[in-house]
Amino acid sequence: MTEKEENPVVEVFKTIVSAAVLAFGIRACVAEARYIPSESMLPTLEIDDRLIIEKISYRFRKPERGDVVVFSPTDALKEQDFNEAFIKRVIGIPGDLVEVRDSEVYVNGEQLTEKYILEPPNYKYGPVEVPEEQYLVLGDNRNNSLDSHHWGFVPLENLIGRAAIRFWPPNRLGSLDPQPLYPESEK
C-alpha cells in the first residue's frame, strides 16, 4: 500500500505554522533580539546597536552587579507613560546600600571602579537600601539616563533578561562582558 501524498498547500501551511510556533517559543522563553534606542548606556552600547537578550540564566541564578539587563517598565515608569522596555546596568542587589556622592558610586561603603561609564555622575543619590527581590539599575551614561536614581527600584518580576551578545554592527560584534567588575571583595 502506498502512502497518500499530502496536498502541497497543506504542507506549506504546516511548515509555516511550525516555524511560527518555534519562533514564538524561542522569543518568549529563550532569547530575543533588541535594539538600543537611546544614549543612556553610552559608551557600552550605542544607538542602534542590536543585542541578543537571553532569558534563561535568571531562572537558575539571581542577577548580579554588573549585569546589563532589559526590563519592563516599573509602575513608576508606567505612571509617566513609559511602556517600552529599558536597558540598564545592575548596580545594587537586594540588601545593598547604594549612594552616589562626590561624583562616585558607593555600594556598601566601597567606591566602585567604573571604567565603563561615559562620565562621573554629577548628582547625589541615597544612601538607599535595595529591598528584597528588587534591583537598583543605572545607565552607563550616568548624567543622561532615566534610571533608578529617578524612579526607584526594578522588581525581579520585571526583568526580561540579560543582554548577552551584540550582533550589530559587525565591527562591535561580541559578548557584553560586565568587565570591569567591582572590587574582588564584593563578588
N, C-alpha and C. Protein backbone atom coordinates (compact mmCIF):
# COMPACT_ATOMS: atom_id res chain seq x y z
N MET A 1 0.84 -1.18 0.00
CA MET A 1 0.00 0.00 0.00
C MET A 1 0.89 1.24 0.00
N THR A 2 0.65 2.18 -0.87
CA THR A 2 1.45 3.39 -0.95
C THR A 2 0.85 4.47 -0.07
N GLU A 3 1.79 5.31 0.45
CA GLU A 3 1.32 6.43 1.27
C GLU A 3 0.68 7.48 0.39
N LYS A 4 -0.36 8.04 0.91
CA LYS A 4 -1.04 9.10 0.19
C LYS A 4 -0.23 10.38 0.34
N GLU A 5 0.06 11.05 -0.75
CA GLU A 5 0.78 12.31 -0.70
C GLU A 5 -0.15 13.40 -0.23
N GLU A 6 0.45 14.29 0.64
CA GLU A 6 -0.35 15.41 1.13
C GLU A 6 -0.40 16.52 0.10
N ASN A 7 -1.41 17.27 0.17
CA ASN A 7 -1.58 18.44 -0.68
C ASN A 7 -0.42 19.41 -0.40
N PRO A 8 0.24 19.95 -1.42
CA PRO A 8 1.36 20.87 -1.22
C PRO A 8 0.97 22.12 -0.40
N VAL A 9 -0.24 22.58 -0.54
CA VAL A 9 -0.71 23.74 0.22
C VAL A 9 -0.76 23.40 1.71
N VAL A 10 -1.22 22.20 2.03
CA VAL A 10 -1.28 21.76 3.43
C VAL A 10 0.14 21.65 3.99
N GLU A 11 1.07 21.13 3.20
CA GLU A 11 2.47 21.00 3.63
C GLU A 11 3.07 22.38 3.93
N VAL A 12 2.84 23.33 3.05
CA VAL A 12 3.35 24.69 3.26
C VAL A 12 2.72 25.29 4.51
N PHE A 13 1.44 25.11 4.69
CA PHE A 13 0.76 25.62 5.87
C PHE A 13 1.34 25.02 7.14
N LYS A 14 1.56 23.72 7.17
CA LYS A 14 2.14 23.05 8.34
C LYS A 14 3.54 23.59 8.64
N THR A 15 4.31 23.79 7.60
CA THR A 15 5.67 24.31 7.77
C THR A 15 5.65 25.72 8.36
N ILE A 16 4.79 26.56 7.83
CA ILE A 16 4.69 27.95 8.32
C ILE A 16 4.22 27.98 9.77
N VAL A 17 3.21 27.20 10.09
CA VAL A 17 2.70 27.17 11.46
C VAL A 17 3.77 26.64 12.42
N SER A 18 4.46 25.57 12.03
CA SER A 18 5.52 25.02 12.87
C SER A 18 6.63 26.04 13.11
N ALA A 19 7.04 26.75 12.06
CA ALA A 19 8.08 27.76 12.19
C ALA A 19 7.63 28.90 13.10
N ALA A 20 6.38 29.32 12.95
CA ALA A 20 5.86 30.41 13.79
C ALA A 20 5.81 30.00 15.26
N VAL A 21 5.35 28.79 15.54
CA VAL A 21 5.28 28.30 16.92
C VAL A 21 6.70 28.21 17.51
N LEU A 22 7.63 27.70 16.74
CA LEU A 22 9.01 27.58 17.20
C LEU A 22 9.61 28.97 17.45
N ALA A 23 9.42 29.90 16.54
CA ALA A 23 9.96 31.25 16.71
C ALA A 23 9.36 31.93 17.93
N PHE A 24 8.05 31.82 18.10
CA PHE A 24 7.39 32.42 19.27
C PHE A 24 7.91 31.80 20.56
N GLY A 25 8.06 30.50 20.57
CA GLY A 25 8.56 29.81 21.76
C GLY A 25 9.96 30.24 22.13
N ILE A 26 10.83 30.36 21.14
CA ILE A 26 12.20 30.81 21.41
C ILE A 26 12.19 32.24 21.93
N ARG A 27 11.44 33.12 21.28
CA ARG A 27 11.40 34.53 21.70
C ARG A 27 10.80 34.66 23.10
N ALA A 28 9.79 33.89 23.41
CA ALA A 28 9.14 34.01 24.70
C ALA A 28 9.95 33.42 25.84
N CYS A 29 10.71 32.38 25.59
CA CYS A 29 11.35 31.64 26.67
C CYS A 29 12.87 31.60 26.66
N VAL A 30 13.50 31.80 25.52
CA VAL A 30 14.95 31.57 25.42
C VAL A 30 15.72 32.85 25.15
N ALA A 31 15.44 33.52 24.05
CA ALA A 31 16.20 34.70 23.66
C ALA A 31 15.40 35.54 22.69
N GLU A 32 15.76 36.82 22.62
CA GLU A 32 15.14 37.70 21.64
C GLU A 32 16.11 38.79 21.25
N ALA A 33 15.90 39.36 20.11
CA ALA A 33 16.73 40.46 19.64
C ALA A 33 16.13 41.78 20.08
N ARG A 34 16.98 42.72 20.43
CA ARG A 34 16.56 44.08 20.80
C ARG A 34 17.53 45.07 20.20
N TYR A 35 17.09 46.32 20.07
CA TYR A 35 17.98 47.37 19.61
C TYR A 35 18.05 48.46 20.67
N ILE A 36 19.08 49.27 20.61
CA ILE A 36 19.29 50.35 21.58
C ILE A 36 18.74 51.64 20.99
N PRO A 37 17.70 52.23 21.63
CA PRO A 37 17.08 53.43 21.06
C PRO A 37 17.62 54.75 21.61
N SER A 38 18.46 54.70 22.65
CA SER A 38 18.90 55.96 23.28
C SER A 38 20.37 55.92 23.65
N GLU A 39 20.87 57.04 24.15
CA GLU A 39 22.27 57.17 24.55
C GLU A 39 22.50 56.85 26.02
N SER A 40 21.52 56.30 26.71
CA SER A 40 21.63 56.10 28.16
C SER A 40 22.69 55.09 28.58
N MET A 41 23.13 54.24 27.67
CA MET A 41 24.15 53.23 28.01
C MET A 41 25.50 53.50 27.34
N LEU A 42 25.69 54.71 26.79
CA LEU A 42 27.00 55.06 26.23
C LEU A 42 28.05 55.03 27.33
N PRO A 43 29.24 54.61 27.09
CA PRO A 43 29.81 54.18 25.82
C PRO A 43 29.66 52.68 25.56
N THR A 44 29.09 51.94 26.52
CA THR A 44 28.97 50.48 26.37
C THR A 44 28.11 50.11 25.17
N LEU A 45 26.97 50.75 25.07
CA LEU A 45 26.03 50.48 23.97
C LEU A 45 25.71 51.78 23.25
N GLU A 46 25.75 51.73 21.94
CA GLU A 46 25.47 52.89 21.13
C GLU A 46 24.08 52.79 20.51
N ILE A 47 23.54 53.93 20.12
CA ILE A 47 22.23 53.93 19.45
C ILE A 47 22.28 53.00 18.25
N ASP A 48 21.24 52.19 18.09
CA ASP A 48 21.06 51.22 17.01
C ASP A 48 21.91 49.96 17.14
N ASP A 49 22.68 49.80 18.23
CA ASP A 49 23.31 48.50 18.47
C ASP A 49 22.20 47.47 18.54
N ARG A 50 22.46 46.27 18.05
CA ARG A 50 21.50 45.17 18.11
C ARG A 50 22.04 44.12 19.06
N LEU A 51 21.19 43.64 19.96
CA LEU A 51 21.61 42.72 21.01
C LEU A 51 20.74 41.48 21.03
N ILE A 52 21.33 40.39 21.54
CA ILE A 52 20.55 39.21 21.90
C ILE A 52 20.36 39.25 23.40
N ILE A 53 19.12 39.20 23.82
CA ILE A 53 18.77 39.17 25.24
C ILE A 53 18.44 37.73 25.59
N GLU A 54 19.25 37.15 26.49
CA GLU A 54 18.97 35.76 26.87
C GLU A 54 18.07 35.77 28.10
N LYS A 55 17.13 34.82 28.14
CA LYS A 55 16.10 34.79 29.17
C LYS A 55 16.17 33.57 30.08
N ILE A 56 17.24 32.80 29.96
CA ILE A 56 17.30 31.55 30.70
C ILE A 56 18.04 31.66 32.02
N SER A 57 19.16 32.38 32.05
CA SER A 57 20.05 32.34 33.23
C SER A 57 19.36 32.76 34.51
N TYR A 58 18.44 33.73 34.46
CA TYR A 58 17.80 34.20 35.69
C TYR A 58 16.77 33.21 36.24
N ARG A 59 16.53 32.14 35.53
CA ARG A 59 15.71 31.06 36.08
C ARG A 59 16.54 30.21 37.04
N PHE A 60 17.88 30.30 36.91
CA PHE A 60 18.77 29.47 37.71
C PHE A 60 19.64 30.27 38.68
N ARG A 61 19.74 31.57 38.45
CA ARG A 61 20.53 32.42 39.33
C ARG A 61 19.92 33.81 39.36
N LYS A 62 20.26 34.56 40.41
CA LYS A 62 19.77 35.93 40.54
C LYS A 62 20.68 36.86 39.72
N PRO A 63 20.16 38.00 39.30
CA PRO A 63 21.01 38.99 38.63
C PRO A 63 22.17 39.40 39.54
N GLU A 64 23.29 39.73 38.93
CA GLU A 64 24.48 40.11 39.68
C GLU A 64 24.86 41.55 39.33
N ARG A 65 25.60 42.18 40.25
CA ARG A 65 26.12 43.52 39.96
C ARG A 65 26.93 43.45 38.68
N GLY A 66 26.70 44.42 37.81
CA GLY A 66 27.43 44.47 36.55
C GLY A 66 26.64 43.93 35.38
N ASP A 67 25.63 43.09 35.63
CA ASP A 67 24.81 42.58 34.54
C ASP A 67 24.11 43.74 33.83
N VAL A 68 24.06 43.68 32.51
CA VAL A 68 23.26 44.63 31.74
C VAL A 68 21.94 43.93 31.47
N VAL A 69 20.85 44.52 31.99
CA VAL A 69 19.55 43.85 31.96
C VAL A 69 18.52 44.65 31.17
N VAL A 70 17.57 43.92 30.61
CA VAL A 70 16.41 44.51 29.95
C VAL A 70 15.22 44.21 30.84
N PHE A 71 14.38 45.22 31.06
CA PHE A 71 13.24 45.04 31.96
C PHE A 71 12.03 45.82 31.48
N SER A 72 10.87 45.32 31.86
CA SER A 72 9.60 46.02 31.59
C SER A 72 9.51 47.23 32.50
N PRO A 73 8.82 48.27 32.06
CA PRO A 73 8.71 49.47 32.89
C PRO A 73 8.11 49.16 34.27
N THR A 74 8.65 49.81 35.28
CA THR A 74 8.12 49.68 36.63
C THR A 74 6.81 50.46 36.71
N ASP A 75 6.09 50.31 37.81
CA ASP A 75 4.84 51.06 37.99
C ASP A 75 5.09 52.57 37.92
N ALA A 76 6.21 53.02 38.53
CA ALA A 76 6.54 54.45 38.50
C ALA A 76 6.76 54.94 37.07
N LEU A 77 7.37 54.11 36.24
CA LEU A 77 7.58 54.49 34.83
C LEU A 77 6.27 54.48 34.05
N LYS A 78 5.42 53.51 34.33
CA LYS A 78 4.12 53.45 33.65
C LYS A 78 3.28 54.68 33.96
N GLU A 79 3.40 55.19 35.19
CA GLU A 79 2.68 56.40 35.57
C GLU A 79 3.14 57.60 34.75
N GLN A 80 4.37 57.53 34.24
CA GLN A 80 4.92 58.59 33.40
C GLN A 80 4.75 58.28 31.91
N ASP A 81 3.90 57.30 31.62
CA ASP A 81 3.58 56.90 30.25
C ASP A 81 4.74 56.27 29.49
N PHE A 82 5.62 55.57 30.19
CA PHE A 82 6.66 54.77 29.55
C PHE A 82 6.15 53.35 29.45
N ASN A 83 6.15 52.81 28.24
CA ASN A 83 5.62 51.46 28.04
C ASN A 83 6.61 50.51 27.39
N GLU A 84 7.72 51.02 26.88
CA GLU A 84 8.73 50.20 26.22
C GLU A 84 9.74 49.69 27.23
N ALA A 85 10.39 48.58 26.92
CA ALA A 85 11.41 48.01 27.80
C ALA A 85 12.61 48.95 27.92
N PHE A 86 13.30 48.86 29.05
CA PHE A 86 14.50 49.64 29.34
C PHE A 86 15.70 48.70 29.39
N ILE A 87 16.90 49.26 29.20
CA ILE A 87 18.13 48.52 29.38
C ILE A 87 19.07 49.35 30.25
N LYS A 88 19.56 48.74 31.32
CA LYS A 88 20.45 49.42 32.28
C LYS A 88 21.39 48.39 32.89
N ARG A 89 22.34 48.89 33.69
CA ARG A 89 23.31 48.03 34.38
C ARG A 89 22.90 47.87 35.84
N VAL A 90 22.93 46.64 36.36
CA VAL A 90 22.63 46.39 37.76
C VAL A 90 23.79 46.92 38.60
N ILE A 91 23.46 47.81 39.53
CA ILE A 91 24.45 48.39 40.44
C ILE A 91 24.22 47.88 41.85
N GLY A 92 22.96 47.79 42.27
CA GLY A 92 22.63 47.33 43.62
C GLY A 92 21.74 46.11 43.58
N ILE A 93 22.11 45.11 44.38
CA ILE A 93 21.30 43.89 44.53
C ILE A 93 20.63 43.93 45.89
N PRO A 94 19.64 43.06 46.15
CA PRO A 94 18.92 43.11 47.41
C PRO A 94 19.85 43.13 48.63
N GLY A 95 19.57 44.09 49.52
CA GLY A 95 20.35 44.24 50.74
C GLY A 95 21.50 45.23 50.64
N ASP A 96 21.88 45.64 49.42
CA ASP A 96 22.97 46.60 49.25
C ASP A 96 22.56 47.99 49.70
N LEU A 97 23.51 48.74 50.19
CA LEU A 97 23.34 50.15 50.50
C LEU A 97 24.07 50.92 49.40
N VAL A 98 23.32 51.69 48.60
CA VAL A 98 23.89 52.39 47.45
C VAL A 98 23.78 53.89 47.66
N GLU A 99 24.88 54.56 47.29
CA GLU A 99 24.92 56.02 47.41
C GLU A 99 25.75 56.59 46.27
N VAL A 100 25.31 57.74 45.75
CA VAL A 100 26.09 58.49 44.77
C VAL A 100 26.42 59.82 45.42
N ARG A 101 27.73 60.08 45.57
CA ARG A 101 28.19 61.34 46.16
C ARG A 101 29.60 61.64 45.65
N ASP A 102 29.93 62.91 45.62
CA ASP A 102 31.26 63.33 45.19
C ASP A 102 31.65 62.72 43.84
N SER A 103 30.69 62.63 42.93
CA SER A 103 30.89 62.10 41.56
C SER A 103 31.31 60.64 41.53
N GLU A 104 30.96 59.88 42.56
CA GLU A 104 31.30 58.46 42.64
C GLU A 104 30.10 57.66 43.12
N VAL A 105 30.07 56.38 42.76
CA VAL A 105 29.03 55.46 43.22
C VAL A 105 29.65 54.57 44.30
N TYR A 106 28.94 54.44 45.41
CA TYR A 106 29.38 53.61 46.53
C TYR A 106 28.35 52.51 46.77
N VAL A 107 28.82 51.30 46.93
CA VAL A 107 27.96 50.17 47.29
C VAL A 107 28.52 49.58 48.57
N ASN A 108 27.68 49.56 49.59
CA ASN A 108 28.07 49.05 50.90
C ASN A 108 29.33 49.75 51.41
N GLY A 109 29.40 51.05 51.16
CA GLY A 109 30.51 51.86 51.66
C GLY A 109 31.76 51.83 50.82
N GLU A 110 31.83 50.99 49.79
CA GLU A 110 33.02 50.90 48.94
C GLU A 110 32.76 51.58 47.60
N GLN A 111 33.73 52.42 47.21
CA GLN A 111 33.63 53.11 45.92
C GLN A 111 33.80 52.10 44.79
N LEU A 112 32.91 52.18 43.79
CA LEU A 112 33.02 51.30 42.64
C LEU A 112 34.05 51.84 41.66
N THR A 113 34.78 50.95 41.04
CA THR A 113 35.67 51.29 39.94
C THR A 113 34.86 51.06 38.68
N GLU A 114 34.50 52.14 38.01
CA GLU A 114 33.60 52.04 36.86
C GLU A 114 34.26 52.63 35.62
N LYS A 115 35.05 51.83 34.95
CA LYS A 115 35.74 52.30 33.74
C LYS A 115 34.81 52.32 32.53
N TYR A 116 33.61 51.79 32.68
CA TYR A 116 32.69 51.68 31.55
C TYR A 116 31.73 52.86 31.45
N ILE A 117 31.76 53.82 32.38
CA ILE A 117 30.82 54.93 32.32
C ILE A 117 31.34 56.03 31.40
N LEU A 118 30.41 56.83 30.86
CA LEU A 118 30.79 57.91 29.96
C LEU A 118 31.48 59.03 30.73
N GLU A 119 30.89 59.41 31.86
CA GLU A 119 31.47 60.44 32.72
C GLU A 119 30.93 60.25 34.13
N PRO A 120 31.64 60.78 35.13
CA PRO A 120 31.19 60.61 36.51
C PRO A 120 29.82 61.25 36.73
N PRO A 121 29.03 60.69 37.64
CA PRO A 121 27.71 61.28 37.91
C PRO A 121 27.84 62.67 38.52
N ASN A 122 26.99 63.59 38.07
CA ASN A 122 27.01 64.96 38.61
C ASN A 122 25.80 65.19 39.52
N TYR A 123 25.37 64.16 40.20
CA TYR A 123 24.23 64.26 41.11
C TYR A 123 24.52 63.48 42.38
N LYS A 124 23.70 63.75 43.40
CA LYS A 124 23.76 62.98 44.64
C LYS A 124 22.52 62.10 44.70
N TYR A 125 22.69 60.93 45.30
CA TYR A 125 21.57 60.00 45.43
C TYR A 125 21.83 59.13 46.64
N GLY A 126 20.79 58.92 47.44
CA GLY A 126 20.89 58.00 48.57
C GLY A 126 21.55 58.62 49.78
N PRO A 127 21.96 57.76 50.67
CA PRO A 127 22.03 56.30 50.58
C PRO A 127 20.65 55.65 50.66
N VAL A 128 20.49 54.58 49.88
CA VAL A 128 19.26 53.80 49.89
C VAL A 128 19.63 52.32 50.01
N GLU A 129 18.76 51.58 50.70
CA GLU A 129 18.96 50.13 50.77
C GLU A 129 18.05 49.47 49.74
N VAL A 130 18.62 48.58 48.97
CA VAL A 130 17.86 47.89 47.93
C VAL A 130 16.98 46.83 48.60
N PRO A 131 15.66 46.91 48.40
CA PRO A 131 14.75 45.93 49.01
C PRO A 131 14.91 44.52 48.43
N GLU A 132 14.39 43.54 49.17
CA GLU A 132 14.39 42.15 48.70
C GLU A 132 13.66 42.06 47.36
N GLU A 133 14.17 41.20 46.48
CA GLU A 133 13.56 40.92 45.17
C GLU A 133 13.49 42.15 44.27
N GLN A 134 14.36 43.16 44.54
CA GLN A 134 14.41 44.35 43.69
C GLN A 134 15.87 44.70 43.41
N TYR A 135 16.07 45.53 42.38
CA TYR A 135 17.41 45.88 41.93
C TYR A 135 17.51 47.36 41.64
N LEU A 136 18.68 47.94 41.91
CA LEU A 136 18.96 49.31 41.56
C LEU A 136 19.77 49.28 40.27
N VAL A 137 19.30 49.98 39.26
CA VAL A 137 19.95 49.98 37.95
C VAL A 137 20.28 51.41 37.53
N LEU A 138 21.44 51.56 36.89
CA LEU A 138 21.85 52.87 36.38
C LEU A 138 22.33 52.70 34.95
N GLY A 139 22.16 53.74 34.15
CA GLY A 139 22.72 53.74 32.80
C GLY A 139 24.20 54.07 32.87
N ASP A 140 24.98 53.59 31.92
CA ASP A 140 26.41 53.89 31.89
C ASP A 140 26.67 55.36 31.55
N ASN A 141 25.72 55.99 30.91
CA ASN A 141 25.78 57.43 30.65
C ASN A 141 25.06 58.10 31.83
N ARG A 142 25.73 58.06 32.97
CA ARG A 142 25.12 58.43 34.26
C ARG A 142 24.31 59.72 34.25
N ASN A 143 24.78 60.74 33.57
CA ASN A 143 24.13 62.05 33.63
C ASN A 143 23.02 62.22 32.60
N ASN A 144 22.83 61.25 31.75
CA ASN A 144 21.78 61.31 30.73
C ASN A 144 21.03 60.00 30.65
N SER A 145 20.61 59.51 31.80
CA SER A 145 19.92 58.23 31.85
C SER A 145 18.74 58.31 32.81
N LEU A 146 17.59 57.92 32.31
CA LEU A 146 16.39 57.80 33.15
C LEU A 146 16.49 56.43 33.82
N ASP A 147 16.93 56.42 35.08
CA ASP A 147 17.22 55.16 35.75
C ASP A 147 16.76 55.19 37.20
N SER A 148 17.24 54.26 38.00
CA SER A 148 16.77 54.11 39.38
C SER A 148 16.92 55.37 40.22
N HIS A 149 17.88 56.20 39.93
CA HIS A 149 18.01 57.41 40.75
C HIS A 149 16.88 58.40 40.48
N HIS A 150 16.10 58.17 39.43
CA HIS A 150 14.92 58.99 39.14
C HIS A 150 13.63 58.34 39.63
N TRP A 151 13.49 57.03 39.46
CA TRP A 151 12.19 56.40 39.68
C TRP A 151 12.20 55.19 40.60
N GLY A 152 13.32 54.81 41.17
CA GLY A 152 13.32 53.72 42.14
C GLY A 152 13.87 52.40 41.63
N PHE A 153 13.43 51.35 42.25
CA PHE A 153 13.99 50.01 42.03
C PHE A 153 13.21 49.22 40.98
N VAL A 154 13.88 48.21 40.42
CA VAL A 154 13.25 47.31 39.45
C VAL A 154 12.93 46.00 40.16
N PRO A 155 11.65 45.61 40.22
CA PRO A 155 11.30 44.31 40.80
C PRO A 155 11.83 43.17 39.94
N LEU A 156 12.24 42.10 40.58
CA LEU A 156 12.75 40.92 39.88
C LEU A 156 11.77 40.47 38.80
N GLU A 157 10.49 40.52 39.09
CA GLU A 157 9.48 40.04 38.12
C GLU A 157 9.43 40.88 36.84
N ASN A 158 10.00 42.09 36.86
CA ASN A 158 10.01 42.94 35.66
C ASN A 158 11.17 42.62 34.73
N LEU A 159 12.15 41.86 35.21
CA LEU A 159 13.31 41.56 34.37
C LEU A 159 12.91 40.64 33.22
N ILE A 160 13.29 41.03 32.02
CA ILE A 160 13.04 40.24 30.82
C ILE A 160 14.22 39.31 30.58
N GLY A 161 15.42 39.83 30.76
CA GLY A 161 16.61 39.02 30.54
C GLY A 161 17.88 39.83 30.61
N ARG A 162 18.98 39.16 30.30
CA ARG A 162 20.31 39.75 30.36
C ARG A 162 20.82 39.97 28.95
N ALA A 163 21.36 41.17 28.71
CA ALA A 163 21.97 41.45 27.41
C ALA A 163 23.23 40.61 27.31
N ALA A 164 23.29 39.72 26.34
CA ALA A 164 24.38 38.76 26.26
C ALA A 164 25.33 39.02 25.09
N ILE A 165 24.80 39.30 23.92
CA ILE A 165 25.64 39.40 22.71
C ILE A 165 25.20 40.60 21.88
N ARG A 166 26.17 41.35 21.41
CA ARG A 166 25.90 42.41 20.42
C ARG A 166 26.19 41.78 19.06
N PHE A 167 25.20 41.79 18.17
CA PHE A 167 25.42 41.20 16.85
C PHE A 167 25.45 42.24 15.73
N TRP A 168 25.19 43.50 16.08
CA TRP A 168 25.27 44.56 15.08
C TRP A 168 25.67 45.83 15.76
N PRO A 169 26.56 46.61 15.22
CA PRO A 169 27.23 46.47 13.93
C PRO A 169 28.33 45.42 13.98
N PRO A 170 28.70 44.89 12.83
CA PRO A 170 29.69 43.81 12.79
C PRO A 170 31.03 44.15 13.43
N ASN A 171 31.45 45.41 13.37
CA ASN A 171 32.75 45.77 13.95
C ASN A 171 32.71 45.82 15.48
N ARG A 172 31.53 45.70 16.08
CA ARG A 172 31.40 45.66 17.54
C ARG A 172 30.77 44.34 18.00
N LEU A 173 30.78 43.34 17.14
CA LEU A 173 30.23 42.04 17.44
C LEU A 173 30.92 41.43 18.65
N GLY A 174 30.13 40.83 19.55
CA GLY A 174 30.74 40.13 20.68
C GLY A 174 29.85 40.12 21.90
N SER A 175 30.34 39.45 22.94
CA SER A 175 29.57 39.35 24.18
C SER A 175 29.64 40.65 24.96
N LEU A 176 28.64 40.88 25.78
CA LEU A 176 28.64 42.04 26.66
C LEU A 176 29.15 41.59 28.01
N ASP A 177 30.42 41.71 28.18
CA ASP A 177 31.08 41.32 29.41
C ASP A 177 30.89 42.43 30.43
N PRO A 178 30.53 42.09 31.66
CA PRO A 178 30.34 43.14 32.67
C PRO A 178 31.65 43.74 33.17
N GLN A 179 32.78 43.40 32.55
CA GLN A 179 34.08 43.95 32.95
C GLN A 179 34.15 45.41 32.60
N PRO A 180 34.83 46.24 33.34
CA PRO A 180 35.44 45.84 34.60
C PRO A 180 34.39 45.70 35.68
N LEU A 181 34.51 44.67 36.46
CA LEU A 181 33.56 44.44 37.54
C LEU A 181 33.96 45.23 38.77
N TYR A 182 33.31 44.96 39.83
CA TYR A 182 33.51 45.65 41.07
C TYR A 182 34.68 45.04 41.82
N PRO A 183 35.14 45.70 42.86
CA PRO A 183 36.28 45.15 43.62
C PRO A 183 36.04 43.69 44.02
N GLU A 184 37.11 42.91 44.01
CA GLU A 184 37.04 41.47 44.29
C GLU A 184 36.30 41.19 45.57
N SER A 185 36.43 42.04 46.58
CA SER A 185 35.80 41.79 47.88
C SER A 185 34.28 41.77 47.80
N GLU A 186 33.71 42.33 46.75
CA GLU A 186 32.25 42.42 46.65
C GLU A 186 31.63 41.29 45.88
N LYS A 187 32.40 40.47 45.23
CA LYS A 187 31.82 39.40 44.39
C LYS A 187 31.12 38.37 45.24
